[in-house]
């Protein structure tokens, strides 16, 4: 059930990528989603800090919960991620 909800959530935040260059701050998000697609828990963990939190359907998830939700149990899962960055604003080390 959680995998279906997670997939729907990602679809809501994803759309077909356009021809624009990906802004630097967004590369961390792309790296995380690429690791999720590969089912690579180590690479997923490498994209975030120890205090990573994700709000997923009213629940606060840490990296362990995210890894368990997206790691295929049968080893046969295919993901494709598409993003369109509408705008990026930076202030100091925040984006």
Protein backbone atom coordinates (compact mmCIF):
# COMPACT_ATOMS: atom_id res chain seq x y z
CA UNK A 1 0.00 0.00 0.00
CA UNK A 2 2.78 2.40 0.95
CA UNK A 3 4.61 1.67 -2.31
CA UNK A 4 1.53 2.66 -4.30
CA UNK A 5 1.04 5.85 -2.28
CA UNK A 6 4.75 6.65 -2.64
CA UNK A 7 4.59 6.11 -6.40
CA UNK A 8 1.56 8.37 -6.70
CA UNK A 9 3.29 11.05 -4.65
CA UNK A 10 6.33 10.96 -6.90
CA UNK A 11 4.13 11.21 -9.97
CA UNK A 12 2.47 14.30 -8.56
CA UNK A 13 5.85 15.99 -8.12
CA UNK A 14 7.26 14.75 -11.43
CA UNK A 15 6.51 15.85 -14.96
CA UNK A 16 8.09 15.51 -18.38
CA UNK A 17 11.45 17.28 -18.43
CA UNK A 18 11.87 20.19 -20.77
CA UNK A 19 15.01 21.30 -22.59
CA UNK A 20 16.26 23.70 -19.89
CA UNK A 21 19.47 22.96 -18.03
CA UNK A 22 18.96 21.56 -14.54
CA UNK A 23 19.82 24.12 -11.85
CA UNK A 24 22.75 23.14 -9.59
CA UNK A 25 20.67 22.92 -6.36
CA UNK A 26 18.30 20.41 -7.98
CA UNK A 27 21.09 17.97 -8.84
CA UNK A 28 20.87 16.46 -5.32
CA UNK A 29 17.21 15.61 -5.94
CA UNK A 30 18.07 14.02 -9.29
CA UNK A 31 20.85 12.01 -7.65
CA UNK A 32 18.47 10.75 -4.96
CA UNK A 33 15.84 9.69 -7.52
CA UNK A 34 18.48 7.99 -9.68
CA UNK A 35 19.62 6.01 -6.63
CA UNK A 36 16.00 5.13 -5.88
CA UNK A 37 15.57 3.89 -9.46
CA UNK A 38 18.68 1.75 -9.13
CA UNK A 39 17.54 0.38 -5.77
CA UNK A 40 20.89 1.51 -4.34
CA UNK A 41 20.36 2.15 -0.63
CA UNK A 42 23.96 3.27 -0.10
CA UNK A 43 23.72 5.90 -2.85
CA UNK A 44 20.38 7.07 -1.48
CA UNK A 45 21.90 7.56 1.96
CA UNK A 46 24.88 9.41 0.44
CA UNK A 47 22.57 12.12 -0.95
CA UNK A 48 21.36 13.33 2.44
CA UNK A 49 22.41 14.24 5.93
CA UNK A 50 21.65 12.30 9.12
CA UNK A 51 18.64 14.54 9.80
CA UNK A 52 16.89 13.76 6.47
CA UNK A 53 13.10 13.81 6.80
CA UNK A 54 10.37 13.30 4.24
CA UNK A 55 6.69 14.09 4.74
CA UNK A 56 4.85 11.24 3.03
CA UNK A 57 1.06 11.07 3.25
CA UNK A 58 1.01 12.71 6.65
CA UNK A 59 3.85 10.57 8.04
CA UNK A 60 7.38 11.73 8.72
CA UNK A 61 9.84 9.28 7.17
CA UNK A 62 13.56 9.00 7.74
CA UNK A 63 15.96 7.56 5.19
CA UNK A 64 15.51 4.02 6.55
CA UNK A 65 11.76 4.13 5.88
CA UNK A 66 12.29 5.58 2.39
CA UNK A 67 14.87 2.93 1.52
CA UNK A 68 12.57 0.14 2.67
CA UNK A 69 9.64 1.59 0.70
CA UNK A 70 11.46 1.87 -2.63
CA UNK A 71 13.76 -1.15 -2.51
CA UNK A 72 12.15 -3.85 -4.66
CA UNK A 73 11.57 -7.10 -2.82
CA UNK A 74 11.57 -9.12 -6.03
CA UNK A 75 14.46 -7.29 -7.70
CA UNK A 76 12.33 -6.55 -10.78
CA UNK A 77 11.21 -2.94 -10.56
CA UNK A 78 11.70 -0.29 -13.21
CA UNK A 79 11.42 3.44 -12.53
CA UNK A 80 11.69 6.43 -14.81
CA UNK A 81 11.93 9.89 -13.32
CA UNK A 82 11.02 13.08 -15.14
CA UNK A 83 11.38 16.58 -13.72
CA UNK A 84 10.62 20.09 -14.89
CA UNK A 85 12.16 22.81 -12.75
CA UNK A 86 9.88 25.83 -12.91
CA UNK A 87 12.15 28.20 -11.01
CA UNK A 88 14.98 28.23 -8.52
CA UNK A 89 15.72 30.85 -5.90
CA UNK A 90 18.83 30.84 -3.75
CA UNK A 91 19.71 32.66 -0.55
CA UNK A 92 23.11 31.93 0.93
CA UNK A 93 23.50 28.16 1.09
CA UNK A 94 19.76 27.49 0.68
CA UNK A 95 17.84 26.92 -2.49
